[in-house]
């Protein structure tokens, strides 16, 4: 973060723009060459897919 001159507030703002309210929900964050932040949520924090819901309904 220091090398890229990013501040905590910058990261929190980028996460809010992706509708991520808690930094602890993020498993991986990558600073892309275009200075955008790519994120991956922890598996238990990722939104349910149609496939996930169908599996539950099938039980």
PDB file of N, CA and C in Angstrom:
ATOM      1  N   UNK A   1       0.814  -1.184   0.000  1.00  0.00           N
ATOM      2  CA  UNK A   1       0.000   0.000   0.000  1.00  0.00           C
ATOM      3  C   UNK A   1       0.868   1.263   0.000  1.00  0.00           C
ATOM      4  N   UNK A   2       1.944   1.244   0.757  1.00  0.00           N
ATOM      5  CA  UNK A   2       2.785   2.436   0.810  1.00  0.00           C
ATOM      6  C   UNK A   2       3.467   2.678  -0.528  1.00  0.00           C
ATOM      7  N   UNK A   3       3.920   1.612  -1.163  1.00  0.00           N
ATOM      8  CA  UNK A   3       4.583   1.751  -2.454  1.00  0.00           C
ATOM      9  C   UNK A   3       3.625   2.339  -3.492  1.00  0.00           C
ATOM     10  N   UNK A   4       2.386   1.933  -3.443  1.00  0.00           N
ATOM     11  CA  UNK A   4       1.378   2.430  -4.383  1.00  0.00           C
ATOM     12  C   UNK A   4       0.758   3.742  -3.893  1.00  0.00           C
ATOM     13  N   UNK A   5       1.156   4.176  -2.718  1.00  0.00           N
ATOM     14  CA  UNK A   5       0.641   5.407  -2.103  1.00  0.00           C
ATOM     15  C   UNK A   5      -0.865   5.364  -1.895  1.00  0.00           C
ATOM     16  N   UNK A   6      -1.346   4.198  -1.507  1.00  0.00           N
ATOM     17  CA  UNK A   6      -2.764   4.044  -1.180  1.00  0.00           C
ATOM     18  C   UNK A   6      -2.945   4.215   0.321  1.00  0.00           C
ATOM     19  N   UNK A   7      -4.030   4.827   0.680  1.00  0.00           N
ATOM     20  CA  UNK A   7      -4.371   4.974   2.088  1.00  0.00           C
ATOM     21  C   UNK A   7      -5.513   4.026   2.406  1.00  0.00           C
ATOM     22  N   UNK A   8      -5.664   3.725   3.675  1.00  0.00           N
ATOM     23  CA  UNK A   8      -6.741   2.842   4.111  1.00  0.00           C
ATOM     24  C   UNK A   8      -8.091   3.366   3.630  1.00  0.00           C
ATOM     25  N   UNK A   9      -8.286   4.655   3.687  1.00  0.00           N
ATOM     26  CA  UNK A   9      -9.558   5.249   3.243  1.00  0.00           C
ATOM     27  C   UNK A   9      -9.801   4.991   1.759  1.00  0.00           C
ATOM     28  N   UNK A  10      -8.736   4.977   0.953  1.00  0.00           N
ATOM     29  CA  UNK A  10      -8.877   4.695  -0.482  1.00  0.00           C
ATOM     30  C   UNK A  10      -9.373   3.268  -0.703  1.00  0.00           C
ATOM     31  N   UNK A  11      -8.815   2.350   0.056  1.00  0.00           N
ATOM     32  CA  UNK A  11      -9.205   0.938  -0.078  1.00  0.00           C
ATOM     33  C   UNK A  11     -10.639   0.745   0.394  1.00  0.00           C
ATOM     34  N   UNK A  12     -10.978   1.353   1.530  1.00  0.00           N
ATOM     35  CA  UNK A  12     -12.342   1.234   2.036  1.00  0.00           C
ATOM     36  C   UNK A  12     -13.342   1.818   1.045  1.00  0.00           C
ATOM     37  N   UNK A  13     -13.001   2.909   0.422  1.00  0.00           N
ATOM     38  CA  UNK A  13     -13.874   3.523  -0.577  1.00  0.00           C
ATOM     39  C   UNK A  13     -14.064   2.597  -1.778  1.00  0.00           C
ATOM     40  N   UNK A  14     -12.982   1.988  -2.243  1.00  0.00           N
ATOM     41  CA  UNK A  14     -13.067   1.058  -3.377  1.00  0.00           C
ATOM     42  C   UNK A  14     -13.934  -0.146  -3.023  1.00  0.00           C
ATOM     43  N   UNK A  15     -13.832  -0.632  -1.794  1.00  0.00           N
ATOM     44  CA  UNK A  15     -14.655  -1.767  -1.365  1.00  0.00           C
ATOM     45  C   UNK A  15     -16.123  -1.371  -1.289  1.00  0.00           C
ATOM     46  N   UNK A  16     -16.402  -0.190  -0.787  1.00  0.00           N
ATOM     47  CA  UNK A  16     -17.800   0.272  -0.719  1.00  0.00           C
ATOM     48  C   UNK A  16     -18.408   0.385  -2.113  1.00  0.00           C
ATOM     49  N   UNK A  17     -17.616   0.804  -3.083  1.00  0.00           N
ATOM     50  CA  UNK A  17     -18.115   0.901  -4.455  1.00  0.00           C
ATOM     51  C   UNK A  17     -18.469  -0.471  -5.012  1.00  0.00           C
ATOM     52  N   UNK A  18     -17.869  -1.520  -4.458  1.00  0.00           N
ATOM     53  CA  UNK A  18     -18.184  -2.884  -4.868  1.00  0.00           C
ATOM     54  C   UNK A  18     -19.211  -3.526  -3.934  1.00  0.00           C
ATOM     55  N   UNK A  19     -19.853  -2.706  -3.098  1.00  0.00           N
ATOM     56  CA  UNK A  19     -20.854  -3.164  -2.130  1.00  0.00           C
ATOM     57  C   UNK A  19     -20.280  -4.153  -1.117  1.00  0.00           C
ATOM     58  N   UNK A  20     -19.041  -3.950  -0.744  1.00  0.00           N
ATOM     59  CA  UNK A  20     -18.407  -4.753   0.297  1.00  0.00           C
ATOM     60  C   UNK A  20     -18.317  -3.864   1.531  1.00  0.00           C
ATOM     61  N   UNK A  21     -19.095  -4.193   2.546  1.00  0.00           N
ATOM     62  CA  UNK A  21     -19.161  -3.347   3.720  1.00  0.00           C
ATOM     63  C   UNK A  21     -18.105  -3.600   4.765  1.00  0.00           C
ATOM     64  N   UNK A  22     -17.489  -4.783   4.719  1.00  0.00           N
ATOM     65  CA  UNK A  22     -16.533  -5.142   5.754  1.00  0.00           C
ATOM     66  C   UNK A  22     -15.267  -5.693   5.109  1.00  0.00           C
ATOM     67  N   UNK A  23     -14.146  -5.090   5.405  1.00  0.00           N
ATOM     68  CA  UNK A  23     -12.879  -5.529   4.819  1.00  0.00           C
ATOM     69  C   UNK A  23     -12.552  -6.971   5.225  1.00  0.00           C
ATOM     70  N   UNK A  24     -13.079  -7.422   6.356  1.00  0.00           N
ATOM     71  CA  UNK A  24     -12.831  -8.791   6.813  1.00  0.00           C
ATOM     72  C   UNK A  24     -13.517  -9.830   5.929  1.00  0.00           C
ATOM     73  N   UNK A  25     -14.451  -9.408   5.081  1.00  0.00           N
ATOM     74  CA  UNK A  25     -15.120 -10.326   4.149  1.00  0.00           C
ATOM     75  C   UNK A  25     -14.264 -10.627   2.924  1.00  0.00           C
ATOM     76  N   UNK A  26     -13.197  -9.867   2.740  1.00  0.00           N
ATOM     77  CA  UNK A  26     -12.340  -9.999   1.566  1.00  0.00           C
ATOM     78  C   UNK A  26     -11.263 -11.046   1.814  1.00  0.00           C
ATOM     79  N   UNK A  27     -11.188 -12.005   0.904  1.00  0.00           N
ATOM     80  CA  UNK A  27     -10.146 -13.036   0.989  1.00  0.00           C
ATOM     81  C   UNK A  27      -8.872 -12.557   0.296  1.00  0.00           C
ATOM     82  N   UNK A  28      -9.034 -11.860  -0.833  1.00  0.00           N
ATOM     83  CA  UNK A  28      -7.893 -11.431  -1.627  1.00  0.00           C
ATOM     84  C   UNK A  28      -8.217 -10.106  -2.299  1.00  0.00           C
ATOM     85  N   UNK A  29      -7.267  -9.188  -2.255  1.00  0.00           N
ATOM     86  CA  UNK A  29      -7.406  -7.919  -2.966  1.00  0.00           C
ATOM     87  C   UNK A  29      -6.127  -7.688  -3.759  1.00  0.00           C
ATOM     88  N   UNK A  30      -6.286  -7.332  -5.024  1.00  0.00           N
ATOM     89  CA  UNK A  30      -5.136  -7.141  -5.910  1.00  0.00           C
ATOM     90  C   UNK A  30      -5.225  -5.747  -6.517  1.00  0.00           C
ATOM     91  N   UNK A  31      -4.119  -5.036  -6.459  1.00  0.00           N
ATOM     92  CA  UNK A  31      -4.047  -3.733  -7.113  1.00  0.00           C
ATOM     93  C   UNK A  31      -3.633  -3.982  -8.552  1.00  0.00           C
ATOM     94  N   UNK A  32      -4.555  -3.727  -9.473  1.00  0.00           N
ATOM     95  CA  UNK A  32      -4.319  -3.963 -10.888  1.00  0.00           C
ATOM     96  C   UNK A  32      -3.456  -2.843 -11.475  1.00  0.00           C
ATOM     97  N   UNK A  33      -2.800  -3.099 -12.627  1.00  0.00           N
ATOM     98  CA  UNK A  33      -1.969  -2.073 -13.262  1.00  0.00           C
ATOM     99  C   UNK A  33      -2.732  -0.787 -13.600  1.00  0.00           C
ATOM    100  N   UNK A  34      -4.049  -0.894 -13.808  1.00  0.00           N
ATOM    101  CA  UNK A  34      -4.851   0.290 -14.109  1.00  0.00           C
ATOM    102  C   UNK A  34      -5.285   1.021 -12.831  1.00  0.00           C
ATOM    103  N   UNK A  35      -4.677   0.661 -11.706  1.00  0.00           N
ATOM    104  CA  UNK A  35      -4.891   1.261 -10.386  1.00  0.00           C
ATOM    105  C   UNK A  35      -6.283   0.969  -9.825  1.00  0.00           C
ATOM    106  N   UNK A  36      -6.938  -0.033 -10.338  1.00  0.00           N
ATOM    107  CA  UNK A  36      -8.205  -0.476  -9.768  1.00  0.00           C
ATOM    108  C   UNK A  36      -7.922  -1.659  -8.852  1.00  0.00           C
ATOM    109  N   UNK A  37      -8.813  -1.891  -7.910  1.00  0.00           N
ATOM    110  CA  UNK A  37      -8.636  -2.981  -6.954  1.00  0.00           C
ATOM    111  C   UNK A  37      -9.596  -4.113  -7.312  1.00  0.00           C
ATOM    112  N   UNK A  38      -9.032  -5.284  -7.566  1.00  0.00           N
ATOM    113  CA  UNK A  38      -9.827  -6.486  -7.812  1.00  0.00           C
ATOM    114  C   UNK A  38      -9.949  -7.239  -6.491  1.00  0.00           C
ATOM    115  N   UNK A  39     -11.131  -7.743  -6.205  1.00  0.00           N
ATOM    116  CA  UNK A  39     -11.337  -8.418  -4.925  1.00  0.00           C
ATOM    117  C   UNK A  39     -11.959  -9.795  -5.116  1.00  0.00           C
ATOM    118  N   UNK A  40     -11.703 -10.628  -4.135  1.00  0.00           N
ATOM    119  CA  UNK A  40     -12.323 -11.941  -4.056  1.00  0.00           C
ATOM    120  C   UNK A  40     -12.830 -12.090  -2.627  1.00  0.00           C
ATOM    121  N   UNK A  41     -14.114 -12.381  -2.489  1.00  0.00           N
ATOM    122  CA  UNK A  41     -14.695 -12.538  -1.164  1.00  0.00           C
ATOM    123  C   UNK A  41     -14.407 -13.925  -0.599  1.00  0.00           C
ATOM    124  N   UNK A  42     -14.433 -14.027   0.712  1.00  0.00           N
ATOM    125  CA  UNK A  42     -14.313 -15.326   1.367  1.00  0.00           C
ATOM    126  C   UNK A  42     -15.513 -16.160   0.934  1.00  0.00           C
ATOM    127  N   UNK A  43     -15.333 -17.470   0.789  1.00  0.00           N
ATOM    128  CA  UNK A  43     -16.425 -18.320   0.285  1.00  0.00           C
ATOM    129  C   UNK A  43     -17.735 -18.187   1.068  1.00  0.00           C
ATOM    130  N   UNK A  44     -17.654 -18.038   2.385  1.00  0.00           N
ATOM    131  CA  UNK A  44     -18.886 -17.947   3.174  1.00  0.00           C
ATOM    132  C   UNK A  44     -19.506 -16.549   3.132  1.00  0.00           C
ATOM    133  N   UNK A  45     -18.840 -15.591   2.485  1.00  0.00           N
ATOM    134  CA  UNK A  45     -19.366 -14.234   2.371  1.00  0.00           C
ATOM    135  C   UNK A  45     -19.818 -13.900   0.951  1.00  0.00           C
ATOM    136  N   UNK A  46     -19.516 -14.760  -0.001  1.00  0.00           N
ATOM    137  CA  UNK A  46     -19.905 -14.527  -1.391  1.00  0.00           C
ATOM    138  C   UNK A  46     -21.417 -14.704  -1.538  1.00  0.00           C
ATOM    139  N   UNK A  47     -22.043 -13.942  -2.416  1.00  0.00           N
ATOM    140  CA  UNK A  47     -23.488 -14.079  -2.628  1.00  0.00           C
ATOM    141  C   UNK A  47     -23.842 -15.470  -3.161  1.00  0.00           C
ATOM    142  N   UNK A  48     -25.001 -15.949  -2.786  1.00  0.00           N
ATOM    143  CA  UNK A  48     -25.464 -17.248  -3.253  1.00  0.00           C
ATOM    144  C   UNK A  48     -25.800 -17.176  -4.738  1.00  0.00           C
ATOM    145  N   UNK A  49     -25.449 -18.231  -5.457  1.00  0.00           N
ATOM    146  CA  UNK A  49     -25.791 -18.321  -6.867  1.00  0.00           C
ATOM    147  C   UNK A  49     -27.092 -19.098  -7.018  1.00  0.00           C
ATOM    148  N   UNK A  50     -27.648 -19.094  -8.209  1.00  0.00           N
ATOM    149  CA  UNK A  50     -28.857 -19.887  -8.463  1.00  0.00           C
ATOM    150  C   UNK A  50     -28.582 -21.359  -8.191  1.00  0.00           C
ATOM    151  N   UNK A  51     -27.375 -21.801  -8.526  1.00  0.00           N
ATOM    152  CA  UNK A  51     -26.996 -23.199  -8.295  1.00  0.00           C
ATOM    153  C   UNK A  51     -26.981 -23.514  -6.801  1.00  0.00           C
ATOM    154  N   UNK A  52     -26.449 -22.602  -5.985  1.00  0.00           N
ATOM    155  CA  UNK A  52     -26.437 -22.794  -4.526  1.00  0.00           C
ATOM    156  C   UNK A  52     -27.858 -22.933  -3.979  1.00  0.00           C
ATOM    157  N   UNK A  53     -28.732 -22.063  -4.447  1.00  0.00           N
ATOM    158  CA  UNK A  53     -30.127 -22.090  -3.966  1.00  0.00           C
ATOM    159  C   UNK A  53     -30.822 -23.361  -4.416  1.00  0.00           C
ATOM    160  N   UNK A  54     -30.567 -23.804  -5.639  1.00  0.00           N
ATOM    161  CA  UNK A  54     -31.183 -25.031  -6.118  1.00  0.00           C
ATOM    162  C   UNK A  54     -30.733 -26.233  -5.304  1.00  0.00           C
ATOM    163  N   UNK A  55     -29.469 -26.283  -4.944  1.00  0.00           N
ATOM    164  CA  UNK A  55     -28.964 -27.384  -4.100  1.00  0.00           C
ATOM    165  C   UNK A  55     -29.701 -27.428  -2.771  1.00  0.00           C
ATOM    166  N   UNK A  56     -29.962 -26.271  -2.189  1.00  0.00           N
ATOM    167  CA  UNK A  56     -30.677 -26.214  -0.919  1.00  0.00           C
ATOM    168  C   UNK A  56     -32.107 -26.678  -1.101  1.00  0.00           C
ATOM    169  N   UNK A  57     -32.754 -26.269  -2.181  1.00  0.00           N
ATOM    170  CA  UNK A  57     -34.134 -26.669  -2.444  1.00  0.00           C
ATOM    171  C   UNK A  57     -34.251 -28.164  -2.705  1.00  0.00           C
ATOM    172  N   UNK A  58     -33.212 -28.763  -3.272  1.00  0.00           N
ATOM    173  CA  UNK A  58     -33.238 -30.188  -3.575  1.00  0.00           C
ATOM    174  C   UNK A  58     -33.085 -31.066  -2.327  1.00  0.00           C
ATOM    175  N   UNK A  59     -32.593 -30.481  -1.258  1.00  0.00           N
ATOM    176  CA  UNK A  59     -32.375 -31.274  -0.032  1.00  0.00           C
ATOM    177  C   UNK A  59     -33.675 -31.578   0.653  1.00  0.00           C
TER     178      UNK A  59
END
